[in-house]
Amino acid sequence: MDFAPQVEPPPYDPQKAKQLLAEAGYPNGLDAGEFVPIPSFFSVSEAAVYYLNAVGIQPEKGTMGALIHPIAEYLAGKEIGQTH
Protein backbone atom coordinates (compact mmCIF):
# COMPACT_ATOMS: atom_id res chain seq x y z
CA MET A 1 0.00 0.00 0.00
CA ASP A 2 1.43 3.31 -0.99
CA PHE A 3 -0.01 5.20 1.98
CA ALA A 4 1.28 2.81 4.66
CA PRO A 5 4.54 3.81 6.32
CA GLN A 6 7.42 1.43 5.78
CA VAL A 7 8.18 -0.01 9.20
CA GLU A 8 10.86 -2.57 9.82
CA PRO A 9 9.33 -5.52 11.72
CA PRO A 10 11.00 -6.53 14.98
CA PRO A 11 13.38 -9.49 14.61
CA TYR A 12 12.02 -12.97 15.34
CA ASP A 13 13.61 -13.90 18.65
CA PRO A 14 11.91 -16.78 20.49
CA GLN A 15 14.56 -16.75 23.24
CA LYS A 16 13.80 -13.09 24.00
CA ALA A 17 10.06 -13.90 24.03
CA LYS A 18 10.67 -16.73 26.53
CA GLN A 19 12.75 -14.35 28.67
CA LEU A 20 9.96 -11.75 28.63
CA LEU A 21 7.37 -14.39 29.56
CA ALA A 22 9.55 -15.51 32.48
CA GLU A 23 9.95 -11.90 33.64
CA ALA A 24 6.16 -11.53 33.47
CA GLY A 25 5.73 -14.52 35.79
CA TYR A 26 5.30 -17.32 33.23
CA PRO A 27 8.64 -19.17 33.26
CA ASN A 28 7.00 -22.37 31.96
CA GLY A 29 4.81 -20.70 29.35
CA LEU A 30 1.06 -20.39 29.65
CA ASP A 31 -2.23 -21.80 28.45
CA ALA A 32 -3.68 -19.16 26.15
CA GLY A 33 -7.21 -20.62 25.98
CA GLU A 34 -9.11 -21.27 22.81
CA PHE A 35 -7.88 -19.87 19.51
CA VAL A 36 -10.50 -19.84 16.75
CA PRO A 37 -9.17 -19.12 13.27
CA ILE A 38 -11.20 -17.12 10.77
CA PRO A 39 -12.02 -19.39 7.78
CA SER A 40 -10.19 -17.43 5.11
CA PHE A 41 -7.04 -17.23 7.27
CA PHE A 42 -6.47 -20.85 8.32
CA SER A 43 -2.87 -20.93 7.07
CA VAL A 44 -2.09 -17.68 8.90
CA SER A 45 -3.61 -19.08 12.09
CA GLU A 46 -1.53 -22.25 11.73
CA ALA A 47 1.60 -20.10 11.55
CA ALA A 48 0.49 -18.02 14.55
CA VAL A 49 -0.09 -21.17 16.64
CA TYR A 50 3.34 -22.49 15.59
CA TYR A 51 5.10 -19.26 16.64
CA LEU A 52 3.18 -19.11 19.93
CA ASN A 53 4.05 -22.76 20.69
CA ALA A 54 7.72 -22.04 19.98
CA VAL A 55 7.90 -19.68 22.97
CA GLY A 56 5.71 -21.69 25.37
CA ILE A 57 2.29 -20.14 24.76
CA GLN A 58 -0.17 -23.00 24.25
CA PRO A 59 -3.40 -21.97 22.49
CA GLU A 60 -6.06 -24.64 22.09
CA LYS A 61 -7.18 -24.60 18.48
CA GLY A 62 -10.95 -24.41 18.35
CA THR A 63 -13.43 -24.58 15.51
CA MET A 64 -15.82 -22.02 14.10
CA GLY A 65 -18.64 -23.98 15.77
CA ALA A 66 -17.30 -22.96 19.17
CA LEU A 67 -17.52 -19.34 18.09
CA ILE A 68 -20.80 -19.50 16.17
CA HIS A 69 -22.90 -21.14 18.92
CA PRO A 70 -22.62 -18.21 21.40
CA ILE A 71 -23.23 -15.73 18.58
CA ALA A 72 -26.35 -17.62 17.52
CA GLU A 73 -27.61 -17.59 21.13
CA TYR A 74 -26.97 -13.87 21.37
CA LEU A 75 -28.81 -13.20 18.12
CA ALA A 76 -31.72 -15.34 19.34
CA GLY A 77 -31.99 -13.06 22.39
CA LYS A 78 -30.71 -15.59 24.92
CA GLU A 79 -28.11 -14.99 27.56
CA ILE A 80 -24.96 -16.91 26.71
CA GLY A 81 -25.26 -20.37 28.27
CA GLN A 82 -29.00 -20.02 29.04
CA THR A 83 -30.77 -23.35 28.47
CA HIS A 84 -34.38 -22.17 27.94
PDB file of N, CA and C in Angstrom:
ATOM      1  N   MET A   1       0.847  -1.176   0.000  1.00  0.00           N
ATOM      2  CA  MET A   1       0.000   0.000   0.000  1.00  0.00           C
ATOM      3  C   MET A   1       0.891   1.237   0.000  1.00  0.00           C
ATOM      4  N   ASP A   2       0.612   2.124  -0.873  1.00  0.00           N
ATOM      5  CA  ASP A   2       1.435   3.315  -0.990  1.00  0.00           C
ATOM      6  C   ASP A   2       1.331   4.248   0.204  1.00  0.00           C
ATOM      7  N   PHE A   3       0.179   4.254   0.876  1.00  0.00           N
ATOM      8  CA  PHE A   3      -0.006   5.198   1.977  1.00  0.00           C
ATOM      9  C   PHE A   3       0.478   4.666   3.323  1.00  0.00           C
ATOM     10  N   ALA A   4       0.829   3.396   3.392  1.00  0.00           N
ATOM     11  CA  ALA A   4       1.280   2.812   4.660  1.00  0.00           C
ATOM     12  C   ALA A   4       2.760   3.122   4.875  1.00  0.00           C
ATOM     13  N   PRO A   5       3.123   3.543   6.064  1.00  0.00           N
ATOM     14  CA  PRO A   5       4.540   3.811   6.324  1.00  0.00           C
ATOM     15  C   PRO A   5       5.340   2.514   6.294  1.00  0.00           C
ATOM     16  N   GLN A   6       6.540   2.599   5.818  1.00  0.00           N
ATOM     17  CA  GLN A   6       7.419   1.434   5.779  1.00  0.00           C
ATOM     18  C   GLN A   6       8.065   1.273   7.148  1.00  0.00           C
ATOM     19  N   VAL A   7       7.675   0.237   7.861  1.00  0.00           N
ATOM     20  CA  VAL A   7       8.179  -0.010   9.204  1.00  0.00           C
ATOM     21  C   VAL A   7       8.899  -1.347   9.202  1.00  0.00           C
ATOM     22  N   GLU A   8      10.089  -1.340   9.732  1.00  0.00           N
ATOM     23  CA  GLU A   8      10.862  -2.573   9.823  1.00  0.00           C
ATOM     24  C   GLU A   8      10.272  -3.430  10.943  1.00  0.00           C
ATOM     25  N   PRO A   9       9.891  -4.675  10.656  1.00  0.00           N
ATOM     26  CA  PRO A   9       9.328  -5.521  11.720  1.00  0.00           C
ATOM     27  C   PRO A   9      10.410  -5.870  12.737  1.00  0.00           C
ATOM     28  N   PRO A  10      10.002  -6.110  13.986  1.00  0.00           N
ATOM     29  CA  PRO A  10      11.005  -6.525  14.982  1.00  0.00           C
ATOM     30  C   PRO A  10      11.562  -7.895  14.593  1.00  0.00           C
ATOM     31  N   PRO A  11      12.802  -8.185  14.962  1.00  0.00           N
ATOM     32  CA  PRO A  11      13.378  -9.491  14.607  1.00  0.00           C
ATOM     33  C   PRO A  11      12.662 -10.623  15.342  1.00  0.00           C
ATOM     34  N   TYR A  12      12.604 -11.775  14.704  1.00  0.00           N
ATOM     35  CA  TYR A  12      12.024 -12.968  15.337  1.00  0.00           C
ATOM     36  C   TYR A  12      13.038 -13.499  16.337  1.00  0.00           C
ATOM     37  N   ASP A  13      12.686 -13.493  17.598  1.00  0.00           N
ATOM     38  CA  ASP A  13      13.613 -13.899  18.649  1.00  0.00           C
ATOM     39  C   ASP A  13      12.863 -14.679  19.731  1.00  0.00           C
ATOM     40  N   PRO A  14      12.658 -15.990  19.512  1.00  0.00           N
ATOM     41  CA  PRO A  14      11.907 -16.778  20.487  1.00  0.00           C
ATOM     42  C   PRO A  14      12.563 -16.805  21.872  1.00  0.00           C
ATOM     43  N   GLN A  15      13.889 -16.759  21.936  1.00  0.00           N
ATOM     44  CA  GLN A  15      14.560 -16.754  23.244  1.00  0.00           C
ATOM     45  C   GLN A  15      14.216 -15.487  24.022  1.00  0.00           C
ATOM     46  N   LYS A  16      14.169 -14.348  23.344  1.00  0.00           N
ATOM     47  CA  LYS A  16      13.796 -13.093  23.998  1.00  0.00           C
ATOM     48  C   LYS A  16      12.343 -13.163  24.462  1.00  0.00           C
ATOM     49  N   ALA A  17      11.473 -13.761  23.649  1.00  0.00           N
ATOM     50  CA  ALA A  17      10.061 -13.904  24.028  1.00  0.00           C
ATOM     51  C   ALA A  17       9.931 -14.768  25.278  1.00  0.00           C
ATOM     52  N   LYS A  18      10.693 -15.863  25.345  1.00  0.00           N
ATOM     53  CA  LYS A  18      10.669 -16.728  26.529  1.00  0.00           C
ATOM     54  C   LYS A  18      11.168 -15.971  27.758  1.00  0.00           C
ATOM     55  N   GLN A  19      12.216 -15.154  27.571  1.00  0.00           N
ATOM     56  CA  GLN A  19      12.749 -14.352  28.672  1.00  0.00           C
ATOM     57  C   GLN A  19      11.694 -13.366  29.170  1.00  0.00           C
ATOM     58  N   LEU A  20      10.991 -12.708  28.243  1.00  0.00           N
ATOM     59  CA  LEU A  20       9.960 -11.749  28.630  1.00  0.00           C
ATOM     60  C   LEU A  20       8.791 -12.435  29.337  1.00  0.00           C
ATOM     61  N   LEU A  21       8.427 -13.633  28.878  1.00  0.00           N
ATOM     62  CA  LEU A  21       7.374 -14.391  29.556  1.00  0.00           C
ATOM     63  C   LEU A  21       7.797 -14.752  30.981  1.00  0.00           C
ATOM     64  N   ALA A  22       9.048 -15.167  31.140  1.00  0.00           N
ATOM     65  CA  ALA A  22       9.552 -15.512  32.475  1.00  0.00           C
ATOM     66  C   ALA A  22       9.536 -14.281  33.385  1.00  0.00           C
ATOM     67  N   GLU A  23       9.955 -13.138  32.849  1.00  0.00           N
ATOM     68  CA  GLU A  23       9.950 -11.904  33.639  1.00  0.00           C
ATOM     69  C   GLU A  23       8.522 -11.499  34.027  1.00  0.00           C
ATOM     70  N   ALA A  24       7.554 -11.865  33.192  1.00  0.00           N
ATOM     71  CA  ALA A  24       6.156 -11.530  33.465  1.00  0.00           C
ATOM     72  C   ALA A  24       5.499 -12.536  34.410  1.00  0.00           C
ATOM     73  N   GLY A  25       6.265 -13.551  34.837  1.00  0.00           N
ATOM     74  CA  GLY A  25       5.725 -14.520  35.785  1.00  0.00           C
ATOM     75  C   GLY A  25       5.290 -15.828  35.162  1.00  0.00           C
ATOM     76  N   TYR A  26       5.671 -16.078  33.927  1.00  0.00           N
ATOM     77  CA  TYR A  26       5.304 -17.318  33.231  1.00  0.00           C
ATOM     78  C   TYR A  26       6.561 -18.042  32.759  1.00  0.00           C
ATOM     79  N   PRO A  27       7.395 -18.529  33.675  1.00  0.00           N
ATOM     80  CA  PRO A  27       8.645 -19.175  33.259  1.00  0.00           C
ATOM     81  C   PRO A  27       8.437 -20.475  32.487  1.00  0.00           C
ATOM     82  N   ASN A  28       7.291 -21.108  32.660  1.00  0.00           N
ATOM     83  CA  ASN A  28       6.999 -22.365  31.959  1.00  0.00           C
ATOM     84  C   ASN A  28       5.990 -22.185  30.843  1.00  0.00           C
ATOM     85  N   GLY A  29       5.810 -20.959  30.377  1.00  0.00           N
ATOM     86  CA  GLY A  29       4.813 -20.699  29.347  1.00  0.00           C
ATOM     87  C   GLY A  29       3.439 -20.550  29.978  1.00  0.00           C
ATOM     88  N   LEU A  30       2.414 -20.536  29.134  1.00  0.00           N
ATOM     89  CA  LEU A  30       1.058 -20.390  29.655  1.00  0.00           C
ATOM     90  C   LEU A  30       0.046 -20.982  28.688  1.00  0.00           C
ATOM     91  N   ASP A  31      -1.105 -21.311  29.244  1.00  0.00           N
ATOM     92  CA  ASP A  31      -2.233 -21.799  28.449  1.00  0.00           C
ATOM     93  C   ASP A  31      -2.994 -20.565  27.984  1.00  0.00           C
ATOM     94  N   ALA A  32      -3.076 -20.371  26.698  1.00  0.00           N
ATOM     95  CA  ALA A  32      -3.684 -19.161  26.149  1.00  0.00           C
ATOM     96  C   ALA A  32      -5.180 -19.307  25.890  1.00  0.00           C
ATOM     97  N   GLY A  33      -5.775 -20.439  26.237  1.00  0.00           N
ATOM     98  CA  GLY A  33      -7.206 -20.616  25.983  1.00  0.00           C
ATOM     99  C   GLY A  33      -7.470 -20.996  24.535  1.00  0.00           C
ATOM    100  N   GLU A  34      -8.704 -20.844  24.144  1.00  0.00           N
ATOM    101  CA  GLU A  34      -9.106 -21.274  22.806  1.00  0.00           C
ATOM    102  C   GLU A  34      -8.776 -20.229  21.754  1.00  0.00           C
ATOM    103  N   PHE A  35      -8.254 -20.693  20.649  1.00  0.00           N
ATOM    104  CA  PHE A  35      -7.879 -19.866  19.512  1.00  0.00           C
ATOM    105  C   PHE A  35      -8.728 -20.328  18.339  1.00  0.00           C
ATOM    106  N   VAL A  36      -9.601 -19.464  17.841  1.00  0.00           N
ATOM    107  CA  VAL A  36     -10.499 -19.845  16.751  1.00  0.00           C
ATOM    108  C   VAL A  36     -10.100 -19.091  15.490  1.00  0.00           C
ATOM    109  N   PRO A  37      -9.579 -19.801  14.496  1.00  0.00           N
ATOM    110  CA  PRO A  37      -9.169 -19.119  13.267  1.00  0.00           C
ATOM    111  C   PRO A  37     -10.362 -18.685  12.424  1.00  0.00           C
ATOM    112  N   ILE A  38     -10.193 -17.604  11.712  1.00  0.00           N
ATOM    113  CA  ILE A  38     -11.201 -17.122  10.769  1.00  0.00           C
ATOM    114  C   ILE A  38     -11.046 -17.953   9.500  1.00  0.00           C
ATOM    115  N   PRO A  39     -12.135 -18.448   8.900  1.00  0.00           N
ATOM    116  CA  PRO A  39     -12.024 -19.395   7.781  1.00  0.00           C
ATOM    117  C   PRO A  39     -11.072 -19.003   6.659  1.00  0.00           C
ATOM    118  N   SER A  40     -11.055 -17.777   6.243  1.00  0.00           N
ATOM    119  CA  SER A  40     -10.193 -17.434   5.113  1.00  0.00           C
ATOM    120  C   SER A  40      -8.733 -17.253   5.513  1.00  0.00           C
ATOM    121  N   PHE A  41      -8.413 -17.417   6.803  1.00  0.00           N
ATOM    122  CA  PHE A  41      -7.042 -17.230   7.266  1.00  0.00           C
ATOM    123  C   PHE A  41      -6.507 -18.446   8.024  1.00  0.00           C
ATOM    124  N   PHE A  42      -6.916 -19.654   7.617  1.00  0.00           N
ATOM    125  CA  PHE A  42      -6.467 -20.852   8.317  1.00  0.00           C
ATOM    126  C   PHE A  42      -4.952 -20.997   8.291  1.00  0.00           C
ATOM    127  N   SER A  43      -4.318 -20.750   7.137  1.00  0.00           N
ATOM    128  CA  SER A  43      -2.868 -20.928   7.069  1.00  0.00           C
ATOM    129  C   SER A  43      -2.150 -19.905   7.945  1.00  0.00           C
ATOM    130  N   VAL A  44      -2.676 -18.692   8.033  1.00  0.00           N
ATOM    131  CA  VAL A  44      -2.092 -17.676   8.903  1.00  0.00           C
ATOM    132  C   VAL A  44      -2.240 -18.105  10.357  1.00  0.00           C
ATOM    133  N   SER A  45      -3.405 -18.656  10.701  1.00  0.00           N
ATOM    134  CA  SER A  45      -3.614 -19.083  12.088  1.00  0.00           C
ATOM    135  C   SER A  45      -2.703 -20.253  12.439  1.00  0.00           C
ATOM    136  N   GLU A  46      -2.452 -21.152  11.485  1.00  0.00           N
ATOM    137  CA  GLU A  46      -1.526 -22.255  11.732  1.00  0.00           C
ATOM    138  C   GLU A  46      -0.135 -21.709  12.045  1.00  0.00           C
ATOM    139  N   ALA A  47       0.294 -20.708  11.302  1.00  0.00           N
ATOM    140  CA  ALA A  47       1.599 -20.097  11.546  1.00  0.00           C
ATOM    141  C   ALA A  47       1.623 -19.415  12.916  1.00  0.00           C
ATOM    142  N   ALA A  48       0.554 -18.702  13.256  1.00  0.00           N
ATOM    143  CA  ALA A  48       0.490 -18.017  14.550  1.00  0.00           C
ATOM    144  C   ALA A  48       0.589 -19.022  15.692  1.00  0.00           C
ATOM    145  N   VAL A  49      -0.133 -20.130  15.598  1.00  0.00           N
ATOM    146  CA  VAL A  49      -0.086 -21.166  16.643  1.00  0.00           C
ATOM    147  C   VAL A  49       1.325 -21.745  16.738  1.00  0.00           C
ATOM    148  N   TYR A  50       1.966 -21.960  15.602  1.00  0.00           N
ATOM    149  CA  TYR A  50       3.336 -22.485  15.591  1.00  0.00           C
ATOM    150  C   TYR A  50       4.277 -21.528  16.330  1.00  0.00           C
ATOM    151  N   TYR A  51       4.209 -20.243  15.997  1.00  0.00           N
ATOM    152  CA  TYR A  51       5.097 -19.262  16.641  1.00  0.00           C
ATOM    153  C   TYR A  51       4.801 -19.122  18.134  1.00  0.00           C
ATOM    154  N   LEU A  52       3.537 -19.171  18.508  1.00  0.00           N
ATOM    155  CA  LEU A  52       3.182 -19.108  19.928  1.00  0.00           C
ATOM    156  C   LEU A  52       3.706 -20.335  20.670  1.00  0.00           C
ATOM    157  N   ASN A  53       3.544 -21.524  20.072  1.00  0.00           N
ATOM    158  CA  ASN A  53       4.046 -22.756  20.692  1.00  0.00           C
ATOM    159  C   ASN A  53       5.560 -22.708  20.873  1.00  0.00           C
ATOM    160  N   ALA A  54       6.260 -22.088  19.935  1.00  0.00           N
ATOM    161  CA  ALA A  54       7.724 -22.036  19.984  1.00  0.00           C
ATOM    162  C   ALA A  54       8.238 -21.313  21.221  1.00  0.00           C
ATOM    163  N   VAL A  55       7.441 -20.427  21.792  1.00  0.00           N
ATOM    164  CA  VAL A  55       7.896 -19.681  22.968  1.00  0.00           C
ATOM    165  C   VAL A  55       7.193 -20.131  24.254  1.00  0.00           C
ATOM    166  N   GLY A  56       6.342 -21.150  24.168  1.00  0.00           N
ATOM    167  CA  GLY A  56       5.707 -21.693  25.368  1.00  0.00           C
ATOM    168  C   GLY A  56       4.278 -21.233  25.595  1.00  0.00           C
ATOM    169  N   ILE A  57       3.697 -20.540  24.644  1.00  0.00           N
ATOM    170  CA  ILE A  57       2.290 -20.143  24.757  1.00  0.00           C
ATOM    171  C   ILE A  57       1.483 -21.207  24.038  1.00  0.00           C
ATOM    172  N   GLN A  58       0.567 -21.845  24.768  1.00  0.00           N
ATOM    173  CA  GLN A  58      -0.166 -22.997  24.246  1.00  0.00           C
ATOM    174  C   GLN A  58      -1.635 -22.663  23.984  1.00  0.00           C
ATOM    175  N   PRO A  59      -1.977 -22.171  22.788  1.00  0.00           N
ATOM    176  CA  PRO A  59      -3.397 -21.970  22.494  1.00  0.00           C
ATOM    177  C   PRO A  59      -4.039 -23.301  22.120  1.00  0.00           C
ATOM    178  N   GLU A  60      -5.295 -23.449  22.476  1.00  0.00           N
ATOM    179  CA  GLU A  60      -6.058 -24.636  22.088  1.00  0.00           C
ATOM    180  C   GLU A  60      -6.824 -24.261  20.828  1.00  0.00           C
ATOM    181  N   LYS A  61      -6.524 -24.944  19.733  1.00  0.00           N
ATOM    182  CA  LYS A  61      -7.177 -24.603  18.479  1.00  0.00           C
ATOM    183  C   LYS A  61      -8.621 -25.052  18.508  1.00  0.00           C
ATOM    184  N   GLY A  62      -9.527 -24.104  18.372  1.00  0.00           N
ATOM    185  CA  GLY A  62     -10.950 -24.409  18.351  1.00  0.00           C
ATOM    186  C   GLY A  62     -11.483 -24.435  16.922  1.00  0.00           C
ATOM    187  N   THR A  63     -12.778 -24.570  16.816  1.00  0.00           N
ATOM    188  CA  THR A  63     -13.427 -24.576  15.513  1.00  0.00           C
ATOM    189  C   THR A  63     -14.401 -23.411  15.443  1.00  0.00           C
ATOM    190  N   MET A  64     -14.850 -23.099  14.260  1.00  0.00           N
ATOM    191  CA  MET A  64     -15.822 -22.025  14.101  1.00  0.00           C
ATOM    192  C   MET A  64     -17.108 -22.332  14.858  1.00  0.00           C
ATOM    193  N   GLY A  65     -17.437 -23.613  15.039  1.00  0.00           N
ATOM    194  CA  GLY A  65     -18.640 -23.979  15.772  1.00  0.00           C
ATOM    195  C   GLY A  65     -18.614 -23.454  17.201  1.00  0.00           C
ATOM    196  N   ALA A  66     -17.432 -23.468  17.803  1.00  0.00           N
ATOM    197  CA  ALA A  66     -17.299 -22.962  19.169  1.00  0.00           C
ATOM    198  C   ALA A  66     -17.555 -21.465  19.227  1.00  0.00           C
ATOM    199  N   LEU A  67     -17.294 -20.777  18.139  1.00  0.00           N
ATOM    200  CA  LEU A  67     -17.524 -19.338  18.089  1.00  0.00           C
ATOM    201  C   LEU A  67     -18.953 -19.016  17.660  1.00  0.00           C
ATOM    202  N   ILE A  68     -19.482 -19.791  16.729  1.00  0.00           N
ATOM    203  CA  ILE A  68     -20.802 -19.498  16.166  1.00  0.00           C
ATOM    204  C   ILE A  68     -21.924 -19.764  17.166  1.00  0.00           C
ATOM    205  N   HIS A  69     -21.826 -20.806  17.989  1.00  0.00           N
ATOM    206  CA  HIS A  69     -22.899 -21.141  18.919  1.00  0.00           C
ATOM    207  C   HIS A  69     -23.240 -19.976  19.857  1.00  0.00           C
ATOM    208  N   PRO A  70     -22.266 -19.352  20.548  1.00  0.00           N
ATOM    209  CA  PRO A  70     -22.617 -18.206  21.403  1.00  0.00           C
ATOM    210  C   PRO A  70     -23.178 -17.023  20.613  1.00  0.00           C
ATOM    211  N   ILE A  71     -22.703 -16.823  19.405  1.00  0.00           N
ATOM    212  CA  ILE A  71     -23.227 -15.726  18.576  1.00  0.00           C
ATOM    213  C   ILE A  71     -24.681 -16.009  18.218  1.00  0.00           C
ATOM    214  N   ALA A  72     -24.973 -17.260  17.862  1.00  0.00           N
ATOM    215  CA  ALA A  72     -26.350 -17.624  17.524  1.00  0.00           C
ATOM    216  C   ALA A  72     -27.271 -17.438  18.725  1.00  0.00           C
ATOM    217  N   GLU A  73     -26.804 -17.800  19.918  1.00  0.00           N
ATOM    218  CA  GLU A  73     -27.610 -17.594  21.131  1.00  0.00           C
ATOM    219  C   GLU A  73     -27.862 -16.110  21.360  1.00  0.00           C
ATOM    220  N   TYR A  74     -26.830 -15.305  21.182  1.00  0.00           N
ATOM    221  CA  TYR A  74     -26.970 -13.866  21.370  1.00  0.00           C
ATOM    222  C   TYR A  74     -27.991 -13.295  20.384  1.00  0.00           C
ATOM    223  N   LEU A  75     -27.885 -13.707  19.131  1.00  0.00           N
ATOM    224  CA  LEU A  75     -28.812 -13.203  18.115  1.00  0.00           C
ATOM    225  C   LEU A  75     -30.240 -13.678  18.363  1.00  0.00           C
ATOM    226  N   ALA A  76     -30.388 -14.825  19.020  1.00  0.00           N
ATOM    227  CA  ALA A  76     -31.721 -15.343  19.341  1.00  0.00           C
ATOM    228  C   ALA A  76     -32.283 -14.676  20.600  1.00  0.00           C
ATOM    229  N   GLY A  77     -31.513 -13.785  21.216  1.00  0.00           N
ATOM    230  CA  GLY A  77     -31.994 -13.057  22.393  1.00  0.00           C
ATOM    231  C   GLY A  77     -31.763 -13.780  23.694  1.00  0.00           C
ATOM    232  N   LYS A  78     -30.980 -14.858  23.691  1.00  0.00           N
ATOM    233  CA  LYS A  78     -30.709 -15.585  24.921  1.00  0.00           C
ATOM    234  C   LYS A  78     -29.432 -15.056  25.566  1.00  0.00           C
ATOM    235  N   GLU A  79     -29.368 -15.227  26.866  1.00  0.00           N
ATOM    236  CA  GLU A  79     -28.109 -14.988  27.563  1.00  0.00           C
ATOM    237  C   GLU A  79     -27.182 -16.136  27.192  1.00  0.00           C
ATOM    238  N   ILE A  80     -25.913 -15.863  27.062  1.00  0.00           N
ATOM    239  CA  ILE A  80     -24.963 -16.910  26.714  1.00  0.00           C
ATOM    240  C   ILE A  80     -25.002 -17.995  27.794  1.00  0.00           C
ATOM    241  N   GLY A  81     -25.191 -19.242  27.358  1.00  0.00           N
ATOM    242  CA  GLY A  81     -25.255 -20.365  28.272  1.00  0.00           C
ATOM    243  C   GLY A  81     -26.638 -20.663  28.831  1.00  0.00           C
ATOM    244  N   GLN A  82     -27.621 -19.812  28.547  1.00  0.00           N
ATOM    245  CA  GLN A  82     -28.997 -20.024  29.043  1.00  0.00           C
ATOM    246  C   GLN A  82     -29.577 -21.249  28.340  1.00  0.00           C
ATOM    247  N   THR A  83     -30.259 -22.109  29.067  1.00  0.00           N
ATOM    248  CA  THR A  83     -30.769 -23.348  28.474  1.00  0.00           C
ATOM    249  C   THR A  83     -32.206 -23.240  27.991  1.00  0.00           C
ATOM    250  N   HIS A  84     -33.016 -22.280  28.454  1.00  0.00           N
ATOM    251  CA  HIS A  84     -34.382 -22.173  27.937  1.00  0.00           C
ATOM    252  C   HIS A  84     -34.618 -20.808  27.372  1.00  0.00           C
TER     253      HIS A  84
END
